Protein backbone atom coordinates (compact mmCIF):
# COMPACT_ATOMS: atom_id res chain seq x y z
CA MET A 1 18.98 -1.16 38.95
CA GLN A 2 18.56 2.45 37.88
CA PHE A 3 14.97 3.59 37.35
CA ALA A 4 13.36 6.68 35.87
CA ILE A 5 9.74 6.92 37.06
CA VAL A 6 7.83 9.07 34.58
CA ASP A 7 4.44 10.70 34.53
CA ILE A 8 3.10 13.08 31.91
CA GLU A 9 0.01 15.22 31.36
CA THR A 10 -1.18 15.69 27.78
CA THR A 11 -3.78 17.45 25.64
CA GLY A 12 -5.21 14.11 24.50
CA GLY A 13 -4.56 10.42 24.01
CA PHE A 14 -2.57 10.16 20.78
CA PRO A 15 1.09 11.17 20.34
CA GLU A 16 0.71 12.07 16.65
CA GLN A 17 -2.11 14.54 17.34
CA HIS A 18 -1.54 15.75 20.89
CA GLY A 19 1.20 17.34 22.94
CA MET A 20 2.48 17.15 26.51
CA THR A 21 1.61 19.87 29.02
CA GLU A 22 3.78 18.58 31.87
CA ILE A 23 6.40 15.93 32.59
CA ALA A 24 7.95 14.69 35.81
CA ILE A 25 10.83 12.22 36.16
CA VAL A 26 11.77 10.69 39.51
CA LEU A 27 15.24 9.10 39.55
CA HIS A 28 15.48 5.97 41.70
CA ASN A 29 18.60 3.85 42.30
CA GLY A 30 16.77 0.70 43.38
CA THR A 31 16.96 1.67 47.04
CA GLU A 32 15.81 5.26 47.28
CA VAL A 33 14.87 8.35 45.30
CA GLU A 34 17.97 10.29 44.27
CA GLY A 35 16.54 13.12 42.23
CA LYS A 36 13.49 14.65 40.59
CA TYR A 37 12.82 16.67 37.43
CA GLU A 38 9.55 18.45 36.71
CA THR A 39 8.45 21.07 34.21
CA LEU A 40 5.39 22.43 32.47
CA ILE A 41 5.52 22.21 28.66
CA ASN A 42 3.90 24.43 26.07
CA PRO A 43 2.07 22.02 23.72
CA HIS A 44 1.34 24.77 21.18
CA GLN A 45 -2.28 23.66 21.02
CA GLU A 46 -5.36 24.33 23.09
CA ILE A 47 -5.91 22.24 26.22
CA PRO A 48 -9.44 20.76 26.13
CA PRO A 49 -11.64 22.05 28.99
CA TYR A 50 -12.25 18.60 30.49
CA ILE A 51 -8.49 17.96 30.70
CA ALA A 52 -7.85 21.42 32.16
CA ASN A 53 -10.51 20.75 34.80
CA MET A 54 -9.01 17.37 35.67
CA THR A 55 -5.35 18.41 35.84
CA GLY A 56 -5.69 22.05 36.78
CA ILE A 57 -3.28 22.96 33.96
CA SER A 58 -4.65 25.83 31.86
CA ASP A 59 -3.59 27.45 28.60
CA ALA A 60 -2.40 30.48 30.56
CA MET A 61 -0.13 28.30 32.75
CA VAL A 62 1.72 26.77 29.78
CA ALA A 63 1.80 29.90 27.61
CA LYS A 64 5.30 30.85 28.84
CA ALA A 65 6.51 27.28 29.49
CA PRO A 66 9.28 25.82 27.29
CA SER A 67 8.37 23.80 24.24
CA PHE A 68 9.27 20.13 24.34
CA GLU A 69 12.11 20.64 21.85
CA THR A 70 13.74 23.05 24.31
CA VAL A 71 13.87 20.49 27.14
CA ALA A 72 14.23 17.36 24.97
CA GLN A 73 17.99 16.96 25.47
CA GLU A 74 17.71 17.22 29.26
CA ILE A 75 14.84 14.69 29.32
CA PHE A 76 16.75 12.33 27.04
CA ASN A 77 19.84 12.49 29.27
CA LEU A 78 17.78 11.77 32.40
CA LEU A 79 16.13 8.71 30.81
CA SER A 80 19.19 7.26 29.09
CA GLY A 81 20.71 4.25 30.82
CA ARG A 82 17.70 3.78 33.10
CA ILE A 83 14.60 1.60 33.17
CA PHE A 84 11.58 3.65 32.12
CA VAL A 85 8.83 3.10 34.73
CA ALA A 86 5.25 4.37 34.58
CA HIS A 87 1.75 3.43 35.62
CA ASN A 88 0.38 2.10 32.29
CA VAL A 89 3.82 2.50 30.76
CA ASN A 90 2.84 2.12 27.10
CA PHE A 91 0.94 5.42 27.18
CA ASP A 92 3.73 7.53 28.75
CA TYR A 93 6.50 5.78 26.82
CA SER A 94 4.78 6.21 23.44
CA PHE A 95 4.37 9.97 24.02
CA VAL A 96 7.91 10.56 25.30
CA LYS A 97 9.57 8.42 22.63
CA TYR A 98 7.55 10.00 19.82
CA HIS A 99 8.23 13.60 20.85
CA LEU A 100 11.89 12.88 21.56
CA GLN A 101 12.17 11.39 18.08
CA LYS A 102 10.61 14.53 16.58
CA ALA A 103 13.25 16.54 18.46
CA GLY A 104 16.05 14.37 17.05
CA TYR A 105 16.65 11.92 19.92
CA GLN A 106 16.19 8.14 19.71
CA LEU A 107 15.04 6.71 23.05
CA ASN A 108 15.56 2.97 23.36
CA VAL A 109 15.43 1.87 27.00
CA PRO A 110 13.70 -1.02 28.81
CA LYS A 111 10.34 -0.22 30.35
CA LEU A 112 8.29 -1.42 33.30
CA CYS A 113 4.57 -1.08 33.97
CA THR A 114 3.65 -0.65 37.63
CA ILE A 115 0.10 -1.78 36.89
CA ARG A 116 1.42 -5.17 35.75
CA LEU A 117 3.94 -5.33 38.59
CA SER A 118 1.24 -4.55 41.15
CA ARG A 119 -1.13 -7.19 39.78
CA LYS A 120 1.55 -9.82 40.41
CA VAL A 121 2.91 -8.54 43.75
CA PHE A 122 -0.41 -7.44 45.25
CA PRO A 123 -3.05 -9.78 43.79
CA GLY A 124 -6.71 -9.54 44.68
CA PHE A 125 -7.36 -5.80 44.48
CA ARG A 126 -10.55 -4.80 42.70
CA LYS A 127 -8.82 -2.16 40.54
CA TYR A 128 -5.22 -1.20 39.83
CA GLY A 129 -5.54 2.39 38.63
CA LEU A 130 -3.10 4.67 40.44
CA GLY A 131 -5.74 6.21 42.73
CA HIS A 132 -7.29 2.87 43.70
CA LEU A 133 -3.90 1.21 44.16
CA CYS A 134 -2.60 3.98 46.41
CA ARG A 135 -5.70 3.73 48.59
CA GLU A 136 -5.19 -0.04 48.91
CA LEU A 137 -1.48 0.41 49.76
CA ASP A 138 -2.08 3.44 52.01
CA ILE A 139 0.05 5.73 49.84
CA GLN A 140 -0.78 9.42 50.12
CA ILE A 141 -0.92 11.25 46.77
CA THR A 142 -0.41 14.99 46.74
CA ASN A 143 -1.21 16.91 43.56
CA ARG A 144 -3.29 14.10 42.00
CA HIS A 145 -3.43 14.30 38.17
CA ARG A 146 -0.33 16.44 38.09
CA ALA A 147 2.85 14.89 36.74
CA GLY A 148 4.94 15.53 39.87
CA GLY A 149 2.41 14.13 42.33
CA ASP A 150 1.59 11.06 40.27
CA ALA A 151 5.27 10.32 39.52
CA LEU A 152 6.14 10.41 43.25
CA ALA A 153 3.17 8.14 44.04
CA THR A 154 4.30 5.71 41.31
CA ALA A 155 7.80 5.78 42.82
CA GLN A 156 6.31 4.74 46.19
CA VAL A 157 4.47 1.89 44.45
CA LEU A 158 7.79 0.77 42.95
CA ASP A 159 9.38 0.99 46.43
CA MET A 160 6.71 -1.30 47.86
CA VAL A 161 7.16 -3.75 44.97
CA LEU A 162 10.91 -3.86 45.64
CA GLN A 163 10.32 -4.34 49.38
CA ASN A 164 8.08 -7.34 48.61
CA ASN A 165 10.78 -9.32 46.78
CA GLY A 166 9.94 -7.63 43.50
CA GLN A 167 13.48 -7.60 42.13
CA ARG A 168 13.23 -11.15 40.81
CA LEU A 169 9.90 -10.36 39.16
CA ILE A 170 11.31 -7.17 37.63
CA LYS A 171 14.24 -9.10 36.15
CA GLU A 172 11.84 -11.62 34.65
CA MET A 173 9.67 -8.87 33.17
CA LEU A 174 12.70 -7.20 31.63
CA LYS A 175 13.84 -10.29 29.76
CA LYS A 176 13.72 -9.79 26.03
CA GLU A 177 11.54 -12.80 25.51
CA ASN A 178 8.95 -11.55 27.97
CA HIS A 179 6.12 -9.91 26.07
CA GLY A 180 4.28 -8.62 29.11
CA GLN A 181 5.68 -5.10 28.87
CA THR A 182 4.27 -4.60 25.39
CA LEU A 183 0.76 -5.78 26.25
CA PRO A 184 -2.14 -3.45 27.12
CA ALA A 185 -2.19 -2.71 30.85
CA HIS A 186 -5.60 -4.31 31.43
CA LEU A 187 -5.02 -7.46 29.37
CA PRO A 188 -3.95 -10.47 31.47
CA GLU A 189 -0.65 -11.80 30.17
CA LYS A 190 -1.71 -15.43 30.69
CA GLN A 191 -4.52 -14.98 28.15
CA VAL A 192 -2.04 -14.06 25.44
CA MET A 193 0.61 -16.59 26.45
CA GLY A 194 -2.06 -19.31 26.52
CA LEU A 195 -3.11 -18.77 22.91
CA PRO A 196 -2.51 -21.79 20.64
CA GLN A 197 -0.12 -21.57 17.72
CA LYS A 198 -2.81 -22.71 15.31
CA PRO A 199 -5.08 -21.07 12.71
CA GLY A 200 -8.16 -19.32 14.01
CA VAL A 201 -10.16 -16.16 14.61
CA TYR A 202 -9.51 -13.96 17.65
CA TYR A 203 -11.59 -11.29 19.39
CA PHE A 204 -10.50 -8.29 21.48
CA HIS A 205 -13.08 -7.39 24.15
CA ASP A 206 -13.49 -4.20 26.19
CA GLN A 207 -14.24 -3.86 29.91
CA LYS A 208 -17.95 -4.61 29.29
CA ASP A 209 -17.01 -7.62 27.12
CA LYS A 210 -18.10 -5.92 23.90
CA VAL A 211 -16.06 -7.06 20.89
CA LEU A 212 -13.73 -4.27 19.73
CA TYR A 213 -11.86 -6.09 16.98
CA VAL A 214 -11.98 -9.38 15.07
CA GLY A 215 -8.96 -10.82 13.27
CA LYS A 216 -7.83 -14.04 11.65
CA ALA A 217 -4.49 -15.77 11.98
CA LYS A 218 -2.39 -18.60 10.66
CA ASN A 219 -0.78 -18.66 14.13
CA LEU A 220 -3.07 -17.17 16.79
CA LYS A 221 -0.41 -16.47 19.41
CA LYS A 222 2.08 -14.92 16.99
CA ARG A 223 -0.56 -12.76 15.31
CA VAL A 224 -2.04 -11.40 18.56
CA LEU A 225 1.43 -10.54 19.90
CA SER A 226 2.18 -8.66 16.68
CA HIS A 227 -0.61 -6.19 17.52
CA PHE A 228 1.36 -5.00 20.55
CA SER A 229 4.95 -5.14 19.31
CA GLY A 230 6.86 -2.13 18.05
CA LEU A 231 6.02 1.53 18.62
CA ASP A 232 2.91 2.12 16.57
CA ILE A 233 1.63 5.48 17.76
CA SER A 234 -1.43 5.52 15.49
CA LYS A 235 -4.76 6.54 16.99
CA LYS A 236 -6.26 3.11 16.31
CA ARG A 237 -3.52 1.21 18.14
CA GLN A 238 -3.36 3.59 21.10
CA GLU A 239 -7.13 3.40 21.55
CA LEU A 240 -6.98 -0.40 21.37
CA LEU A 241 -4.18 -0.54 23.96
CA ARG A 242 -6.29 1.49 26.35
CA THR A 243 -9.56 -0.37 25.96
CA VAL A 244 -8.80 -4.08 25.44
CA HIS A 245 -9.41 -6.16 28.58
CA ARG A 246 -9.87 -9.70 27.27
CA ILE A 247 -9.06 -11.96 24.32
CA SER A 248 -11.14 -14.89 23.13
CA TYR A 249 -10.61 -17.08 20.08
CA VAL A 250 -12.01 -19.87 17.92
CA GLU A 251 -9.61 -22.41 16.44
CA CYS A 252 -10.09 -23.20 12.75
CA PRO A 253 -8.75 -26.22 10.84
CA THR A 254 -7.08 -24.10 8.13
CA GLU A 255 -6.06 -20.51 7.52
CA PHE A 256 -8.54 -20.26 4.63
CA ILE A 257 -11.47 -21.28 6.82
CA ALA A 258 -10.25 -18.72 9.37
CA SER A 259 -10.40 -16.07 6.63
CA LEU A 260 -13.98 -16.99 5.74
CA PHE A 261 -15.06 -17.12 9.38
CA GLU A 262 -13.44 -13.74 10.07
CA SER A 263 -15.58 -12.20 7.33
CA VAL A 264 -18.73 -13.79 8.78
CA GLU A 265 -17.89 -12.45 12.26
CA ILE A 266 -17.05 -8.93 11.11
CA LYS A 267 -20.41 -8.71 9.35
CA ARG A 268 -22.19 -10.16 12.40
CA LEU A 269 -20.48 -8.13 15.13
CA TRP A 270 -19.48 -4.94 13.25
CA PRO A 271 -16.55 -4.24 15.66
CA ILE A 272 -15.56 -0.60 16.11
CA HIS A 273 -11.84 -1.14 15.36
CA ASN A 274 -12.33 -3.17 12.16
CA LYS A 275 -12.24 -0.94 9.10
CA SER A 276 -12.13 -3.40 6.19
CA GLN A 277 -15.23 -5.35 5.15
CA LYS A 278 -17.54 -2.84 6.88
CA ARG A 279 -18.55 -0.80 3.88
CA PHE A 280 -22.09 -1.23 2.58
CA GLU A 281 -22.25 -3.80 -0.19
CA GLN A 282 -24.43 -2.56 -3.05
CA VAL A 283 -25.24 -5.80 -4.86
CA TRP A 284 -26.84 -5.83 -8.30
CA GLY A 285 -28.98 -8.58 -9.77
CA ILE A 286 -30.39 -9.71 -13.11
CA TYR A 287 -34.15 -10.26 -12.71
CA GLN A 288 -36.87 -11.72 -14.91
CA PHE A 289 -40.52 -10.74 -15.20
CA GLU A 290 -43.35 -11.01 -17.69
CA ASP A 291 -44.68 -7.76 -19.16
CA ASN A 292 -48.29 -7.02 -20.19
CA ARG A 293 -47.64 -8.28 -23.72
CA GLY A 294 -46.46 -11.69 -22.46
CA TYR A 295 -42.70 -11.22 -23.07
CA ILE A 296 -40.33 -12.65 -20.47
CA ARG A 297 -38.00 -9.75 -19.90
CA LEU A 298 -34.58 -9.54 -18.25
CA GLY A 299 -33.31 -6.46 -16.48
CA ILE A 300 -30.71 -5.21 -14.00
CA ASP A 301 -31.71 -3.73 -10.68
CA LYS A 302 -30.38 -3.30 -7.18
CA LYS A 303 -30.70 -6.53 -5.26
CA ARG A 304 -34.07 -6.71 -3.54
CA LYS A 305 -34.58 -8.24 -0.12
CA TYR A 306 -37.49 -10.50 -1.03
CA LEU A 307 -36.73 -11.22 -4.70
CA GLN A 308 -34.25 -13.83 -5.88
CA PRO A 309 -32.17 -12.69 -8.86
CA ILE A 310 -31.06 -14.95 -11.66
CA ALA A 311 -27.50 -13.87 -10.85
CA SER A 312 -25.99 -11.28 -8.50
CA PHE A 313 -22.93 -9.05 -8.87
CA ALA A 314 -20.92 -6.68 -6.69
CA LEU A 315 -20.37 -4.30 -9.62
CA LEU A 316 -22.99 -2.88 -11.96
CA ALA A 317 -20.53 -3.24 -14.84
CA ASP A 318 -20.27 -6.98 -14.23
CA ALA A 319 -24.05 -7.31 -14.37
CA HIS A 320 -24.11 -5.44 -17.69
CA ARG A 321 -21.38 -7.65 -19.12
CA MET A 322 -23.31 -10.80 -18.17
CA LEU A 323 -26.59 -9.53 -19.61
CA TRP A 324 -24.93 -8.57 -22.91
CA LYS A 325 -23.33 -12.01 -22.97
CA LEU A 326 -26.78 -13.62 -22.67
CA VAL A 327 -28.14 -11.34 -25.40
CA LYS A 328 -25.39 -12.34 -27.82
CA MET A 329 -25.23 -16.05 -26.94
CA HIS A 330 -28.99 -16.65 -27.11
CA ASP A 331 -30.11 -14.02 -29.60
CA LEU A 332 -32.16 -12.02 -27.09
CA HIS A 333 -33.60 -8.63 -27.96
CA PRO A 334 -31.58 -5.76 -26.34
CA ALA A 335 -34.68 -3.62 -25.98
CA LEU A 336 -36.48 -6.39 -24.07
CA CYS A 337 -33.48 -6.46 -21.72
CA PHE A 338 -33.44 -2.66 -21.21
CA LEU A 339 -30.08 -2.44 -23.01
CA ASP A 340 -31.44 -0.55 -26.04
CA LEU A 341 -33.78 2.33 -25.24
CA THR A 342 -34.39 3.52 -28.83
CA PRO A 343 -37.93 3.19 -30.25
CA GLN A 344 -38.49 -0.23 -31.89
CA LYS A 345 -40.54 -0.84 -35.04
CA GLU A 346 -40.59 -4.64 -34.93
CA TRP A 347 -40.78 -7.18 -32.15
CA PRO A 348 -40.14 -10.93 -32.23
CA ALA A 349 -42.92 -13.49 -31.82
CA VAL A 350 -43.74 -13.87 -28.13
CA ASP A 351 -43.63 -17.68 -27.83
CA GLU A 352 -40.47 -18.07 -29.92
CA TYR A 353 -38.71 -15.27 -28.01
CA ASN A 354 -39.72 -16.61 -24.61
CA GLN A 355 -38.26 -19.98 -25.52
CA ARG A 356 -34.90 -18.31 -26.23
CA VAL A 357 -35.07 -16.56 -22.83
CA MET A 358 -35.79 -19.87 -21.07
CA THR A 359 -32.78 -21.43 -22.82
CA ALA A 360 -30.62 -18.54 -21.59
CA LEU A 361 -31.92 -18.95 -18.04
CA HIS A 362 -31.20 -22.69 -18.16
CA TRP A 363 -27.63 -21.92 -19.26
CA VAL A 364 -27.19 -19.51 -16.30
CA THR A 365 -28.44 -22.19 -13.91
CA GLU A 366 -25.95 -24.70 -15.29
CA GLN A 367 -23.10 -22.28 -14.50
CA LYS A 368 -24.04 -22.31 -10.81
CA GLU A 369 -21.97 -25.27 -9.80
CA THR A 370 -22.20 -27.30 -6.65
CA PHE A 371 -18.75 -28.16 -5.35
CA VAL A 372 -16.74 -28.88 -2.24
CA ILE A 373 -13.36 -27.47 -1.26
CA ARG A 374 -11.65 -30.23 0.69
CA ASP A 375 -8.43 -29.68 2.64
CA GLN A 376 -7.71 -32.69 4.83
CA SER A 377 -10.77 -32.92 7.13
CA ALA A 378 -11.87 -29.32 6.50
CA CYS A 379 -14.77 -28.92 4.10
CA ILE A 380 -16.42 -25.89 2.44
CA LEU A 381 -19.64 -26.38 0.45
CA VAL A 382 -20.89 -24.18 -2.39
CA GLU A 383 -24.35 -25.24 -3.57
CA ASN A 384 -25.71 -23.97 -6.88
CA GLY A 385 -23.15 -21.18 -6.87
CA VAL A 386 -23.96 -20.00 -3.33
CA PHE A 387 -21.73 -20.48 -0.27
CA TYR A 388 -23.56 -22.90 2.04
CA GLY A 389 -21.22 -23.40 4.99
CA MET A 390 -18.13 -25.15 6.31
CA GLY A 391 -16.80 -27.39 9.02
CA ILE A 392 -14.98 -30.61 9.85
CA THR A 393 -16.24 -33.82 8.26
CA ASP A 394 -15.60 -37.46 9.02
CA ALA A 395 -13.02 -39.19 6.87
CA ASP A 396 -15.64 -41.58 5.48
CA THR A 397 -18.26 -38.93 4.70
CA ALA A 398 -19.55 -39.33 1.16
CA ILE A 399 -18.93 -35.95 -0.47
CA HIS A 400 -21.54 -36.59 -3.17
CA GLN A 401 -24.26 -37.31 -0.58
CA LEU A 402 -25.24 -33.69 -0.06
CA GLU A 403 -27.70 -34.17 2.79
CA GLU A 404 -25.23 -36.28 4.76
CA LEU A 405 -22.51 -33.71 4.10
CA LYS A 406 -24.72 -30.78 5.15
CA GLY A 407 -25.43 -32.51 8.43
CA GLN A 408 -21.77 -32.14 9.40
CA LEU A 409 -21.38 -28.52 8.27
CA THR A 410 -22.42 -25.23 9.85
CA MET A 411 -24.41 -22.85 7.63
CA TYR A 412 -23.14 -19.27 7.34
CA PRO A 413 -24.46 -16.23 5.46
CA GLU A 414 -22.72 -15.42 2.20
CA ASN A 415 -21.31 -11.99 1.40
CA GLU A 416 -19.35 -10.52 -1.48
CA VAL A 417 -15.99 -10.88 0.33
CA ILE A 418 -16.61 -14.61 0.84
CA ARG A 419 -17.68 -15.05 -2.79
CA SER A 420 -14.49 -13.36 -3.94
CA MET A 421 -12.25 -15.39 -1.58
CA ILE A 422 -13.79 -18.69 -2.72
CA ARG A 423 -13.50 -17.72 -6.40
CA ASN A 424 -9.81 -16.84 -5.98
CA TYR A 425 -9.10 -19.98 -3.92
CA THR A 426 -10.64 -22.34 -6.48
CA GLU A 427 -8.57 -20.73 -9.24
CA ARG A 428 -5.38 -21.03 -7.18
CA TYR A 429 -5.95 -24.55 -5.83
CA PRO A 430 -8.06 -26.46 -8.39
CA SER A 431 -6.84 -29.81 -7.02
CA LYS A 432 -8.76 -29.16 -3.76
CA VAL A 433 -12.08 -28.63 -5.56
CA ILE A 434 -14.47 -31.58 -5.90
CA ARG A 435 -17.36 -30.83 -8.27
CA ILE A 436 -20.69 -32.49 -7.61
CA ALA A 437 -22.94 -33.20 -10.57
C-alpha cells in the first residue's frame, strides 16, 4: 500500500472561506517513510491572532510564500495514486480537494482516518486527539501544531497501526461499501450502522449531549448516511462534522408522522443547525367582543397568549379574507368589523345585528371539523380544527369514541407548519380521513 500522510494549517475551519497556511505530505510505502514534502502557503488573507498564536505561523512568515495555485500541481502529483491519510481526515481532505479543484485538479483518492484506525487498534484510551494519542503511544512530537511535525507524528501512528496487524483493518475500511471513512471522526460507526431502515426522527448530539440537529427520515439509516456522503464543503456541514459525537432516534410508524414529530421537536429543542421552521410565527386571529353600545364586534388582531380567537391564521391577508367572507355571507356591518373606517350615519338594531353575528360564529364553529387520519395502526387526531396528537392505536379501537381514542394518543402542541402539513395531507389522501360528527 502507498500512503500519503497529510497535515495542513489553515486560517479557519471552512474551505470555501479560508485558506491554507502550510501543508506537509509524508510519503509512506507501507513499511517505511520514503519521502517528505513541506511548504508554507500564502493564503492571501489575514491569519487570525488565535491561530497565529497556536501554530506560530504569522502573516509575515507567509507573505513571501507561494500561493496554493503555484504548488497545486506538485501536491496533486504527490497525492495521486496513494491513500490519503490524516488525523481527522475529512477536515484535511476537504480543504486539499477543494483548493486543488479551484486550481484545476480533480483529486479522487481513497482516504483513511487515523483517529478511527486508532480507536479500533488501540481501544480504551480516554481521548484520541493527536496530542493525547501520541502521549498514550509514547510518540514524541516535534513542532506541534505545525504541518511537518504533526504529519510525521501521524505517520508514526500509522506505523504502529500497521505493526499491530492493522493491514486487514485498513483493507476493510477502504472497501467501497464501508461508510466509516465518511463519518465524523468522533461519531462511533456502530451507532450509524445500527440505525433501523424505518421511518423516524433522528438527533445529532455534541460532546455535552446537546442536540445540534433534528431531522426526519423515511429510512433512518439511509438518511443519516446521506449527511456525510459526498464532498459538501459548506460551513454548516463542516461544523457538523466537527461537533457531532452521538446519534439518537425515535422510530415512527409512518413518514408523515415522522414529519409532524420533527416539527414538534424542532420547536421544542431549537437546535443550532436547523434553519427551517425556526422563524417566529406571527399568527393572526379573529376576535369577538361587546362594545359599550352592546354590539358584538369582530376584529383582527395579533394572536394573544391568553385569549382564544374565533379562528387563527398565519397570514394577515387570510384573516382579512375570512372576515370579509363572514361579512358577505351573514350580512354583517363592515364598520362593526373594523373593515370600513369611514364615518357612519346609520347603525343596525343591536339585537337583530347581534343575532346575525351569532349565526356567523356558529357557522365558523361548524367548519372546525373533528377527524382522524388513519394509516394502518397510525392515528392522527384533529379535534374541532386543532391538532390534538398522534400515536399507535389498537386495531379494535373505536375511532368515534373520542375519549377512548385520546387515551391511546400522545398530545403535542400545534404550530403553523403542522397545520399546513395536515391540510395538504388531507387534500392529497382523502381516503385516509375519517370525519367524526
